[in-house]
Amino acid sequence: MRLYKILTTIAVILVLLIWQIETQSKPCLEALVCAHTRRRRCGFIRDTGELRRFLDRCDMLEFNCEYKTNFEKIKISYCNHIPPI
């Protein structure tokens, strides 16, 4: 009986974890496992034309996750006029 309760608890936890992962957005999941390289990136939002500098790809993913934005990587030279971070 005790083993049944333990297995049931583990199953419930696994289901909740899978549900949480599936409801997370892609940038948030990628940001969780991303390894920082400190290679600067330039980000661009197509809809608004906004440009922004980022420390690296992971920084861009974290920003997109936290602020619900959609910056995409473009050539770093497009951000030359933006002050360094």
C-alpha atoms as a PDB file:
ATOM      1  CA  MET A   1       0.000   0.000   0.000  1.00  0.00           C
ATOM      2  CA  ARG A   2       2.839   2.386   0.847  1.00  0.00           C
ATOM      3  CA  LEU A   3       4.577   1.626  -2.456  1.00  0.00           C
ATOM      4  CA  TYR A   4       1.332   2.418  -4.294  1.00  0.00           C
ATOM      5  CA  LYS A   5       1.153   5.862  -2.637  1.00  0.00           C
ATOM      6  CA  ILE A   6       4.777   6.590  -3.495  1.00  0.00           C
ATOM      7  CA  LEU A   7       4.317   5.560  -7.130  1.00  0.00           C
ATOM      8  CA  THR A   8       1.098   7.566  -7.393  1.00  0.00           C
ATOM      9  CA  THR A   9       2.831  10.634  -5.971  1.00  0.00           C
ATOM     10  CA  ILE A  10       5.717  10.253  -8.427  1.00  0.00           C
ATOM     11  CA  ALA A  11       3.269   9.869 -11.328  1.00  0.00           C
ATOM     12  CA  VAL A  12       1.385  13.020 -10.313  1.00  0.00           C
ATOM     13  CA  ILE A  13       4.631  14.984 -10.025  1.00  0.00           C
ATOM     14  CA  LEU A  14       5.763  13.800 -13.466  1.00  0.00           C
ATOM     15  CA  VAL A  15       2.437  14.750 -15.039  1.00  0.00           C
ATOM     16  CA  LEU A  16       2.626  18.214 -13.468  1.00  0.00           C
ATOM     17  CA  LEU A  17       6.210  18.699 -14.664  1.00  0.00           C
ATOM     18  CA  ILE A  18       5.335  17.667 -18.211  1.00  0.00           C
ATOM     19  CA  TRP A  19       2.312  19.966 -18.202  1.00  0.00           C
ATOM     20  CA  GLN A  20       4.438  22.868 -16.946  1.00  0.00           C
ATOM     21  CA  ILE A  21       7.093  22.266 -19.612  1.00  0.00           C
ATOM     22  CA  GLU A  22       4.498  22.108 -22.390  1.00  0.00           C
ATOM     23  CA  THR A  23       2.877  25.363 -21.277  1.00  0.00           C
ATOM     24  CA  GLN A  24       6.191  27.240 -21.150  1.00  0.00           C
ATOM     25  CA  SER A  25       7.105  29.217 -24.234  1.00  0.00           C
ATOM     26  CA  LYS A  26      10.001  28.092 -26.409  1.00  0.00           C
ATOM     27  CA  PRO A  27      12.324  31.019 -25.469  1.00  0.00           C
ATOM     28  CA  CYS A  28      11.784  30.258 -21.782  1.00  0.00           C
ATOM     29  CA  LEU A  29      12.695  26.601 -22.215  1.00  0.00           C
ATOM     30  CA  GLU A  30      15.724  27.436 -24.331  1.00  0.00           C
ATOM     31  CA  ALA A  31      16.828  30.083 -21.819  1.00  0.00           C
ATOM     32  CA  LEU A  32      16.754  27.508 -19.023  1.00  0.00           C
ATOM     33  CA  VAL A  33      19.284  25.239 -20.729  1.00  0.00           C
ATOM     34  CA  CYS A  34      21.318  27.849 -22.612  1.00  0.00           C
ATOM     35  CA  ALA A  35      25.067  28.143 -21.910  1.00  0.00           C
ATOM     36  CA  HIS A  36      26.283  31.753 -21.882  1.00  0.00           C
ATOM     37  CA  THR A  37      29.078  32.472 -24.371  1.00  0.00           C
ATOM     38  CA  ARG A  38      29.398  36.252 -23.892  1.00  0.00           C
ATOM     39  CA  ARG A  39      29.389  36.643 -27.697  1.00  0.00           C
ATOM     40  CA  ARG A  40      27.469  39.872 -28.255  1.00  0.00           C
ATOM     41  CA  ARG A  41      24.280  39.741 -30.279  1.00  0.00           C
ATOM     42  CA  CYS A  42      22.058  42.266 -31.981  1.00  0.00           C
ATOM     43  CA  GLY A  43      18.336  41.621 -31.704  1.00  0.00           C
ATOM     44  CA  PHE A  44      15.529  42.897 -33.912  1.00  0.00           C
ATOM     45  CA  ILE A  45      11.730  42.810 -33.606  1.00  0.00           C
ATOM     46  CA  ARG A  46      10.224  42.655 -37.106  1.00  0.00           C
ATOM     47  CA  ASP A  47       6.834  44.095 -36.135  1.00  0.00           C
ATOM     48  CA  THR A  48       8.199  47.231 -34.467  1.00  0.00           C
ATOM     49  CA  GLY A  49      11.674  47.610 -35.971  1.00  0.00           C
ATOM     50  CA  GLU A  50      13.151  47.798 -32.471  1.00  0.00           C
ATOM     51  CA  LEU A  51      16.872  47.032 -32.133  1.00  0.00           C
ATOM     52  CA  ARG A  52      18.625  45.994 -28.938  1.00  0.00           C
ATOM     53  CA  ARG A  53      22.077  44.767 -27.914  1.00  0.00           C
ATOM     54  CA  PHE A  54      22.434  41.589 -25.891  1.00  0.00           C
ATOM     55  CA  LEU A  55      25.390  40.046 -24.073  1.00  0.00           C
ATOM     56  CA  ASP A  56      24.836  36.765 -25.937  1.00  0.00           C
ATOM     57  CA  ARG A  57      22.135  34.468 -27.327  1.00  0.00           C
ATOM     58  CA  CYS A  58      21.111  33.320 -23.846  1.00  0.00           C
ATOM     59  CA  ASP A  59      20.626  36.917 -22.744  1.00  0.00           C
ATOM     60  CA  MET A  60      18.300  37.465 -25.719  1.00  0.00           C
ATOM     61  CA  LEU A  61      16.294  34.319 -24.900  1.00  0.00           C
ATOM     62  CA  GLU A  62      15.977  35.354 -21.241  1.00  0.00           C
ATOM     63  CA  PHE A  63      14.822  38.836 -22.262  1.00  0.00           C
ATOM     64  CA  ASN A  64      12.256  37.399 -24.691  1.00  0.00           C
ATOM     65  CA  CYS A  65      10.976  35.078 -21.972  1.00  0.00           C
ATOM     66  CA  GLU A  66      10.751  37.670 -19.223  1.00  0.00           C
ATOM     67  CA  TYR A  67       9.271  40.505 -21.273  1.00  0.00           C
ATOM     68  CA  LYS A  68       7.251  38.392 -23.763  1.00  0.00           C
ATOM     69  CA  THR A  69       9.102  39.905 -26.721  1.00  0.00           C
ATOM     70  CA  ASN A  70      10.305  38.309 -29.936  1.00  0.00           C
ATOM     71  CA  PHE A  71      13.812  39.608 -30.630  1.00  0.00           C
ATOM     72  CA  GLU A  72      15.564  37.732 -33.426  1.00  0.00           C
ATOM     73  CA  LYS A  73      19.301  37.627 -34.044  1.00  0.00           C
ATOM     74  CA  ILE A  74      20.614  39.844 -36.847  1.00  0.00           C
ATOM     75  CA  LYS A  75      24.107  41.028 -37.829  1.00  0.00           C
ATOM     76  CA  ILE A  76      25.882  42.717 -34.926  1.00  0.00           C
ATOM     77  CA  SER A  77      26.808  45.625 -37.233  1.00  0.00           C
ATOM     78  CA  TYR A  78      23.161  46.771 -37.213  1.00  0.00           C
ATOM     79  CA  CYS A  79      23.584  47.624 -33.515  1.00  0.00           C
ATOM     80  CA  ASN A  80      26.840  49.599 -33.890  1.00  0.00           C
ATOM     81  CA  HIS A  81      25.027  52.889 -33.234  1.00  0.00           C
ATOM     82  CA  ILE A  82      23.568  51.586 -29.948  1.00  0.00           C
ATOM     83  CA  PRO A  83      25.725  52.299 -26.856  1.00  0.00           C
ATOM     84  CA  PRO A  84      27.527  49.206 -25.478  1.00  0.00           C
ATOM     85  CA  ILE A  85      26.022  47.286 -22.596  1.00  0.00           C
END
